[in-house]
Protein backbone atom coordinates (compact mmCIF):
# COMPACT_ATOMS: atom_id res chain seq x y z
CA MET A 1 36.11 156.52 -74.18
CA ALA A 2 32.61 155.09 -74.11
CA SER A 3 30.00 156.24 -76.60
CA ILE A 4 26.55 157.07 -75.23
CA THR A 5 23.68 157.08 -77.73
CA LYS A 6 19.94 157.55 -77.42
CA LEU A 7 17.87 154.70 -78.90
CA PRO A 8 14.55 155.09 -80.79
CA SER A 9 12.86 153.62 -77.72
CA GLY A 10 14.04 156.58 -75.66
CA LYS A 11 16.53 154.52 -73.68
CA TRP A 12 20.30 155.10 -73.60
CA ARG A 13 22.98 152.69 -74.73
CA ALA A 14 26.56 152.79 -73.51
CA LEU A 15 29.17 151.12 -75.72
CA ILE A 16 32.75 150.56 -74.61
CA ARG A 17 35.47 149.57 -77.06
CA LYS A 18 38.99 148.98 -75.80
CA ARG A 19 41.88 147.37 -77.59
CA GLY A 20 42.44 143.82 -76.38
CA SER A 21 38.96 143.52 -74.84
CA LYS A 22 35.59 142.51 -76.18
CA PRO A 23 33.13 145.35 -76.73
CA LEU A 24 30.79 145.93 -73.78
CA SER A 25 27.36 147.49 -73.96
CA GLY A 26 24.47 148.23 -71.64
CA THR A 27 21.03 149.79 -72.05
CA PHE A 28 19.59 152.16 -69.43
CA GLU A 29 16.49 154.26 -68.81
CA LYS A 30 18.51 157.40 -68.01
CA LYS A 31 21.60 158.90 -69.64
CA LYS A 32 23.30 159.46 -66.28
CA ASP A 33 22.94 155.76 -65.44
CA ALA A 34 24.55 154.82 -68.77
CA GLU A 35 27.42 157.22 -68.11
CA ALA A 36 27.95 155.95 -64.55
CA TRP A 37 27.98 152.33 -65.73
CA ALA A 38 30.45 153.15 -68.52
CA ARG A 39 32.83 154.93 -66.12
CA ALA A 40 32.77 151.98 -63.68
CA GLU A 41 33.36 149.44 -66.45
CA GLU A 42 36.24 151.43 -67.95
CA ILE A 43 37.93 151.64 -64.54
CA LYS A 44 37.43 147.89 -64.14
CA LEU A 45 38.91 147.13 -67.55
CA ASP A 46 41.94 149.35 -66.87
CA SER A 47 42.50 147.64 -63.52
CA ILE A 48 42.22 144.17 -65.05
CA LYS A 49 44.69 145.11 -67.75
CA LYS A 50 47.15 146.47 -65.18
CA HIS A 51 46.70 144.07 -62.24
CA GLY A 52 44.81 141.09 -63.61
CA LYS A 53 41.86 141.72 -61.26
CA ALA A 54 39.69 144.74 -60.52
CA SER A 55 38.57 146.20 -57.22
CA THR A 56 34.88 145.69 -56.52
CA PRO A 57 32.69 148.66 -57.53
CA LYS A 58 32.50 151.38 -54.89
CA GLY A 59 29.40 150.98 -52.75
CA SER A 60 28.53 147.51 -54.09
CA THR A 61 27.34 145.04 -51.45
CA PHE A 62 27.56 141.28 -51.19
CA ALA A 63 23.78 141.25 -51.69
CA ASP A 64 24.26 143.15 -54.98
CA PHE A 65 26.66 140.44 -56.13
CA ILE A 66 24.16 137.73 -55.20
CA ASP A 67 21.49 139.48 -57.29
CA LYS A 68 23.84 139.76 -60.28
CA TYR A 69 24.97 136.15 -59.88
CA VAL A 70 21.36 134.95 -59.89
CA GLU A 71 20.47 137.17 -62.85
CA GLU A 72 23.30 135.84 -65.01
CA THR A 73 23.42 132.16 -63.99
CA GLU A 74 19.68 131.47 -63.66
CA ARG A 75 19.33 131.89 -67.42
CA VAL A 76 21.98 129.25 -68.08
CA LYS A 77 21.05 126.73 -65.40
CA PRO A 78 17.83 127.34 -63.42
CA HIS A 79 18.38 127.18 -59.67
CA GLY A 80 16.47 124.75 -57.46
CA LYS A 81 14.11 126.05 -54.77
CA ASN A 82 16.53 125.24 -51.95
CA LYS A 83 19.35 127.18 -53.60
CA LYS A 84 17.06 130.13 -54.27
CA ALA A 85 15.85 130.15 -50.66
CA THR A 86 19.41 129.98 -49.32
CA LEU A 87 20.61 132.84 -51.53
CA ILE A 88 17.67 135.00 -50.46
CA ARG A 89 18.48 134.32 -46.82
CA LEU A 90 22.16 135.13 -47.37
CA LYS A 91 21.15 138.49 -48.86
CA SER A 92 19.31 139.23 -45.63
CA GLU A 93 22.14 137.96 -43.43
CA PHE A 94 24.72 140.18 -45.17
CA ALA A 95 22.41 143.12 -45.89
CA GLY A 96 24.43 146.30 -46.26
CA VAL A 97 27.81 144.57 -46.10
CA LEU A 98 30.10 145.99 -48.79
CA MET A 99 31.71 143.41 -51.03
CA SER A 100 35.05 145.04 -50.30
CA ASP A 101 34.47 144.40 -46.57
CA MET A 102 33.62 140.72 -46.90
CA SER A 103 36.10 138.81 -44.78
CA GLU A 104 36.72 135.58 -42.90
CA ARG A 105 35.74 137.38 -39.67
CA LEU A 106 32.35 138.46 -41.04
CA VAL A 107 31.63 134.95 -42.31
CA SER A 108 32.68 133.54 -38.93
CA ASP A 109 30.25 135.94 -37.20
CA PHE A 110 27.52 134.75 -39.58
CA VAL A 111 28.16 131.14 -38.54
CA ALA A 112 27.96 132.15 -34.87
CA ARG A 113 24.51 133.64 -35.55
CA ARG A 114 23.34 130.58 -37.47
CA ILE A 115 24.27 128.30 -34.59
CA GLN A 116 21.71 130.19 -32.47
CA ASP A 117 18.94 129.72 -35.08
CA LYS A 118 16.25 127.03 -35.10
CA ASN A 119 14.79 125.16 -38.08
CA HIS A 120 11.06 124.81 -38.82
CA ARG A 121 10.84 121.94 -36.33
CA GLY A 122 12.35 124.05 -33.57
CA GLU A 123 15.66 122.17 -33.68
CA PRO A 124 19.13 123.78 -33.77
CA ILE A 125 20.53 124.41 -37.24
CA SER A 126 22.79 121.48 -38.17
CA GLY A 127 26.41 121.69 -39.24
CA VAL A 128 25.37 120.20 -42.58
CA THR A 129 22.96 123.08 -43.21
CA ILE A 130 25.62 125.64 -42.29
CA CYS A 131 28.01 123.90 -44.70
CA VAL A 132 25.44 124.47 -47.46
CA ASP A 133 25.29 128.17 -46.54
CA LEU A 134 29.07 128.44 -46.72
CA SER A 135 29.22 126.60 -50.04
CA TYR A 136 26.85 129.12 -51.64
CA ILE A 137 28.88 132.02 -50.26
CA THR A 138 31.91 130.45 -51.92
CA THR A 139 29.94 129.98 -55.15
CA VAL A 140 29.15 133.70 -55.36
CA LEU A 141 32.73 134.67 -54.47
CA LYS A 142 34.15 132.36 -57.16
CA TRP A 143 31.75 133.78 -59.72
CA ALA A 144 32.84 137.31 -58.78
CA ARG A 145 36.54 136.45 -59.07
CA TYR A 146 36.76 134.04 -61.99
CA VAL A 147 33.83 135.20 -64.13
CA LYS A 148 33.70 138.93 -63.38
CA HIS A 149 37.44 139.31 -62.60
CA TYR A 150 37.07 141.12 -59.28
CA ASN A 151 39.75 140.89 -56.63
CA VAL A 152 37.93 138.93 -53.91
CA ASP A 153 39.06 136.20 -51.52
CA VAL A 154 37.31 133.00 -52.60
CA GLU A 155 38.65 130.96 -49.68
CA MET A 156 37.18 132.91 -46.75
CA ALA A 157 34.08 130.69 -46.39
CA ASN A 158 36.11 127.51 -46.82
CA ALA A 159 38.45 128.67 -44.05
CA VAL A 160 35.48 129.18 -41.72
CA ARG A 161 34.13 125.76 -42.66
CA GLN A 162 37.26 124.21 -41.19
CA THR A 163 36.25 125.59 -37.79
CA LEU A 164 32.84 123.91 -37.61
CA GLU A 165 34.02 120.75 -35.87
CA ALA A 166 35.91 122.88 -33.32
CA ARG A 167 32.57 124.59 -32.65
CA GLY A 168 31.05 121.19 -31.87
CA LEU A 169 29.16 120.89 -35.16
CA SER A 170 29.02 117.72 -37.22
CA THR A 171 29.45 118.25 -40.95
CA LYS A 172 28.30 114.76 -41.91
CA SER A 173 24.68 114.00 -42.73
CA ASN A 174 22.89 111.58 -40.47
CA GLU A 175 21.72 108.70 -42.62
CA ARG A 176 18.07 108.28 -41.78
CA ASP A 177 16.89 104.66 -41.84
CA ARG A 178 13.40 105.05 -40.34
CA GLU A 179 10.65 103.13 -42.08
CA ALA A 180 7.01 102.52 -41.27
CA THR A 181 6.19 99.27 -39.48
CA ASP A 182 3.26 97.12 -40.61
CA GLU A 183 1.38 98.16 -37.47
CA GLU A 184 1.95 101.85 -38.17
CA LEU A 185 0.79 101.53 -41.76
CA THR A 186 -2.33 99.67 -40.65
CA SER A 187 -3.08 102.42 -38.13
CA LEU A 188 -2.63 105.11 -40.78
CA PHE A 189 -4.86 103.35 -43.29
CA ASP A 190 -7.54 102.83 -40.61
CA GLU A 191 -7.35 106.51 -39.61
CA TYR A 192 -7.83 107.73 -43.18
CA GLN A 193 -10.58 105.16 -43.73
CA ARG A 194 -12.48 106.54 -40.73
CA ARG A 195 -12.30 110.04 -42.17
CA GLY A 196 -14.04 108.89 -45.33
CA ALA A 197 -15.46 111.69 -47.49
CA ARG A 198 -14.25 114.36 -45.05
CA GLN A 199 -10.73 114.25 -46.47
CA ILE A 200 -9.87 116.23 -49.59
CA ILE A 201 -6.67 114.32 -50.41
CA PRO A 202 -7.12 110.55 -50.93
CA MET A 203 -4.22 109.73 -48.63
CA THR A 204 -4.82 105.97 -48.65
CA ASP A 205 -4.20 105.84 -52.40
CA ILE A 206 -1.30 108.32 -52.22
CA ILE A 207 0.44 106.32 -49.48
CA THR A 208 -0.12 103.05 -51.36
CA PHE A 209 1.25 104.58 -54.56
CA ALA A 210 4.36 105.72 -52.66
CA LEU A 211 4.88 102.23 -51.22
CA VAL A 212 4.74 100.54 -54.62
CA SER A 213 6.51 103.20 -56.72
CA ALA A 214 9.31 104.41 -54.37
CA MET A 215 8.57 107.98 -55.52
CA ARG A 216 8.92 111.09 -53.38
CA GLN A 217 5.75 113.00 -52.50
CA GLU A 218 6.73 115.87 -54.83
CA GLU A 219 7.33 113.42 -57.67
CA ILE A 220 3.98 111.72 -57.10
CA CYS A 221 2.13 115.04 -57.21
CA SER A 222 4.02 116.23 -60.30
CA ILE A 223 3.82 113.33 -62.79
CA LEU A 224 1.93 114.22 -65.96
CA ILE A 225 -0.53 112.21 -68.02
CA GLU A 226 1.38 113.34 -71.13
CA ASP A 227 4.50 111.59 -69.77
CA ILE A 228 2.83 108.20 -69.40
CA ASP A 229 3.41 105.47 -71.98
CA PHE A 230 0.16 103.50 -71.74
CA GLU A 231 1.50 100.64 -73.80
CA ALA A 232 4.77 100.18 -71.93
CA ARG A 233 3.24 101.21 -68.57
CA THR A 234 6.00 103.68 -67.80
CA VAL A 235 6.11 107.31 -66.70
CA ILE A 236 8.75 110.02 -66.97
CA ILE A 237 9.66 111.66 -63.68
CA ARG A 238 10.89 115.13 -64.61
CA ASN A 239 13.63 117.07 -62.83
CA ARG A 240 14.26 114.25 -60.40
CA LYS A 241 16.23 115.18 -57.31
CA ASP A 242 19.98 114.92 -57.83
CA PRO A 243 22.96 116.28 -55.85
CA LYS A 244 24.24 118.18 -58.89
CA TYR A 245 21.83 118.25 -61.81
CA LYS A 246 18.14 118.21 -60.87
CA ILE A 247 16.98 120.47 -63.70
CA GLY A 248 16.69 118.30 -66.80
CA ASN A 249 17.28 115.08 -64.84
CA HIS A 250 14.34 113.19 -66.36
CA GLN A 251 13.95 109.44 -65.71
CA LYS A 252 11.59 106.91 -67.23
CA VAL A 253 10.40 104.36 -64.66
CA PRO A 254 7.95 101.45 -64.79
CA LEU A 255 4.62 101.53 -62.98
CA PHE A 256 3.96 98.11 -61.46
CA GLU A 257 0.49 96.59 -61.19
CA LYS A 258 -0.88 98.40 -58.12
CA ALA A 259 0.73 101.72 -59.07
CA TRP A 260 -0.68 101.39 -62.58
CA GLU A 261 -4.17 100.62 -61.27
CA ILE A 262 -4.15 103.68 -58.99
CA ALA A 263 -2.73 106.00 -61.66
CA THR A 264 -5.19 105.02 -64.37
CA ARG A 265 -8.09 105.35 -61.94
CA TYR A 266 -7.16 108.97 -61.26
CA ILE A 267 -6.49 109.72 -64.91
CA GLY A 268 -9.90 108.54 -66.04
CA ASP A 269 -10.61 109.89 -69.51
CA ARG A 270 -8.33 112.92 -69.15
CA LYS A 271 -5.59 113.41 -71.74
CA THR A 272 -3.44 116.07 -70.07
CA GLY A 273 -2.55 117.44 -66.67
CA ARG A 274 -1.21 115.99 -63.46
CA VAL A 275 -2.19 112.46 -62.54
CA PHE A 276 -2.67 113.43 -58.88
CA ARG A 277 -3.92 117.00 -58.62
CA TYR A 278 -2.82 117.66 -55.05
CA ASN A 279 -0.18 119.86 -53.48
CA HIS A 280 2.79 117.82 -52.27
CA ALA A 281 3.20 120.02 -49.19
CA SER A 282 -0.43 119.34 -48.24
CA VAL A 283 0.19 115.61 -48.61
CA SER A 284 3.12 115.88 -46.22
CA SER A 285 1.13 117.96 -43.73
CA SER A 286 -1.77 115.51 -43.73
CA PHE A 287 0.60 112.60 -43.14
CA THR A 288 2.33 114.42 -40.28
CA ARG A 289 -0.97 115.34 -38.59
CA ALA A 290 -2.20 111.77 -38.82
CA CYS A 291 1.03 110.48 -37.27
CA GLN A 292 0.73 112.99 -34.45
CA LYS A 293 -2.87 111.97 -33.74
CA LEU A 294 -1.90 108.28 -33.71
CA GLU A 295 1.20 109.06 -31.61
CA ILE A 296 3.47 107.58 -34.26
CA GLU A 297 6.84 109.13 -33.51
CA ASP A 298 9.42 110.41 -35.98
CA LEU A 299 7.81 109.11 -39.16
CA HIS A 300 7.87 111.24 -42.33
CA PHE A 301 6.15 110.61 -45.65
CA HIS A 302 9.61 110.40 -47.23
CA ASP A 303 10.36 107.36 -45.04
CA LEU A 304 7.94 105.34 -47.17
CA ARG A 305 10.72 105.24 -49.78
CA HIS A 306 12.66 103.03 -47.36
CA ASN A 307 9.71 100.65 -47.23
CA ALA A 308 9.37 100.67 -51.01
CA ALA A 309 13.07 100.13 -51.73
CA GLY A 310 13.32 97.37 -49.13
CA LEU A 311 10.36 95.57 -50.71
CA LEU A 312 11.92 95.79 -54.17
CA PHE A 313 15.10 94.16 -52.85
CA GLU A 314 13.05 91.48 -51.06
CA LEU A 315 11.31 90.67 -54.34
CA GLY A 316 14.71 89.97 -55.89
CA LEU A 317 15.37 93.08 -57.98
CA GLY A 318 19.04 93.92 -58.46
CA ILE A 319 20.80 97.09 -57.39
CA GLU A 320 20.62 98.68 -60.85
CA GLN A 321 16.89 97.93 -61.11
CA VAL A 322 16.07 99.32 -57.67
CA ALA A 323 18.26 102.37 -58.37
CA LEU A 324 16.15 103.08 -61.47
CA MET A 325 13.01 103.06 -59.35
CA THR A 326 14.41 105.26 -56.57
CA GLY A 327 16.52 107.56 -58.76
CA HIS A 328 19.79 106.92 -56.94
CA LYS A 329 22.97 107.09 -58.99
CA ASP A 330 25.18 104.72 -57.00
CA TRP A 331 25.16 101.96 -54.40
CA LYS A 332 26.57 104.20 -51.66
CA MET A 333 23.43 106.32 -51.70
CA LEU A 334 21.06 103.40 -52.12
CA LYS A 335 22.45 100.96 -49.57
CA ARG A 336 20.82 102.67 -46.58
CA TYR A 337 17.42 101.78 -48.08
CA THR A 338 18.09 98.04 -48.06
CA HIS A 339 17.89 97.38 -44.29
CA ILE A 340 19.74 94.11 -44.73
CA LYS A 341 19.73 92.16 -41.45
CA ALA A 342 21.63 89.07 -40.33
CA LYS A 343 18.45 86.98 -40.50
CA ASP A 344 17.94 88.07 -44.12
CA VAL A 345 21.44 86.84 -44.98
CA HIS A 346 20.67 83.52 -43.23
CA ARG A 347 17.46 83.14 -45.22
CA ALA A 348 19.09 84.00 -48.53
CA TYR A 349 21.95 81.56 -47.81
CA ARG A 350 19.55 78.72 -46.98
CA GLU A 351 17.46 79.38 -50.09
CA LYS A 352 20.50 79.37 -52.39
CA LEU A 353 21.98 76.33 -50.64
CA MET A 354 18.73 74.36 -50.96
CA ALA A 355 18.43 75.35 -54.61
CA ARG A 356 21.98 74.12 -55.29
CA LEU A 357 21.39 70.83 -53.42
CA SER A 358 18.19 70.23 -55.34
CA THR A 359 20.00 70.79 -58.62
CA ALA A 360 22.80 68.41 -57.58
CA GLU A 361 20.32 65.66 -56.59
CA ALA A 362 18.52 65.99 -59.89
């Protein structure tokens, strides 16, 4: 039987002690809430002891489980903004759905609705995006079963995922290889030059910095003066994008001549704060508007990373060195930035052949 006690603060604590289980406690504003929680937990513990798993609490919804999952796991490993946004959307999609009613059919109906949705560019939601949705549904279900010991089907979303190709959806990401041409870059620089003092964000410098640093727009707008080693000419990029572990994924990268010149110019005599004090979303919007005005099709600010990585390879840097600059962990992810063409192989072959012949003649 649980013990319910009133604390000096006026709140109520429920304490459950059962043989073979760790003590459980919770603090509540009202005594009736403490008693209700204690009854539910005791039923759960009895069910786990008897069956190995417990039925989900009566009246609890999938959205409730998402909230509890976020509350408990966010403290251990902070969630990225994309994960947070997806979980919030899933709460809305399954609003009012009891956890006990969650089924493969309901998840399949959710996918049918998502197929009818459009993204922010007015394009149909991709199979890859729907796969992400399903993976987070599975994440919450696994947490409920293996961490909280509730009797839920963790495979329902995975089963629906197997139907995506039959629905005509591709579950493989399209590898984007767009990069800015010299003519497009010249047009962009000329456009921003014409704007002169009318522009708030110095886009010419931001674009140039991206081209010589291979950083993402969010990384550029987030680097701190405190993270710069002025002697070694390096900077720490914090929480760099990573498929698994973005939070805490800090990388120290060099700032080459032009990047260093631009950075120090914006730092001035400041000792702390961001090097570039601009919102990364505003940088992206400005770039997009300029491209639209110049009728440059399908070019994103992120595509400048392709230009930057390609230049680093052209200058002779090795895979490991370029990967340090771009933040990629392996060659499979980095290779699409190289844009190696047959003529490049011809040129490299001739250069190495001539170098070998010159050595032999000497």
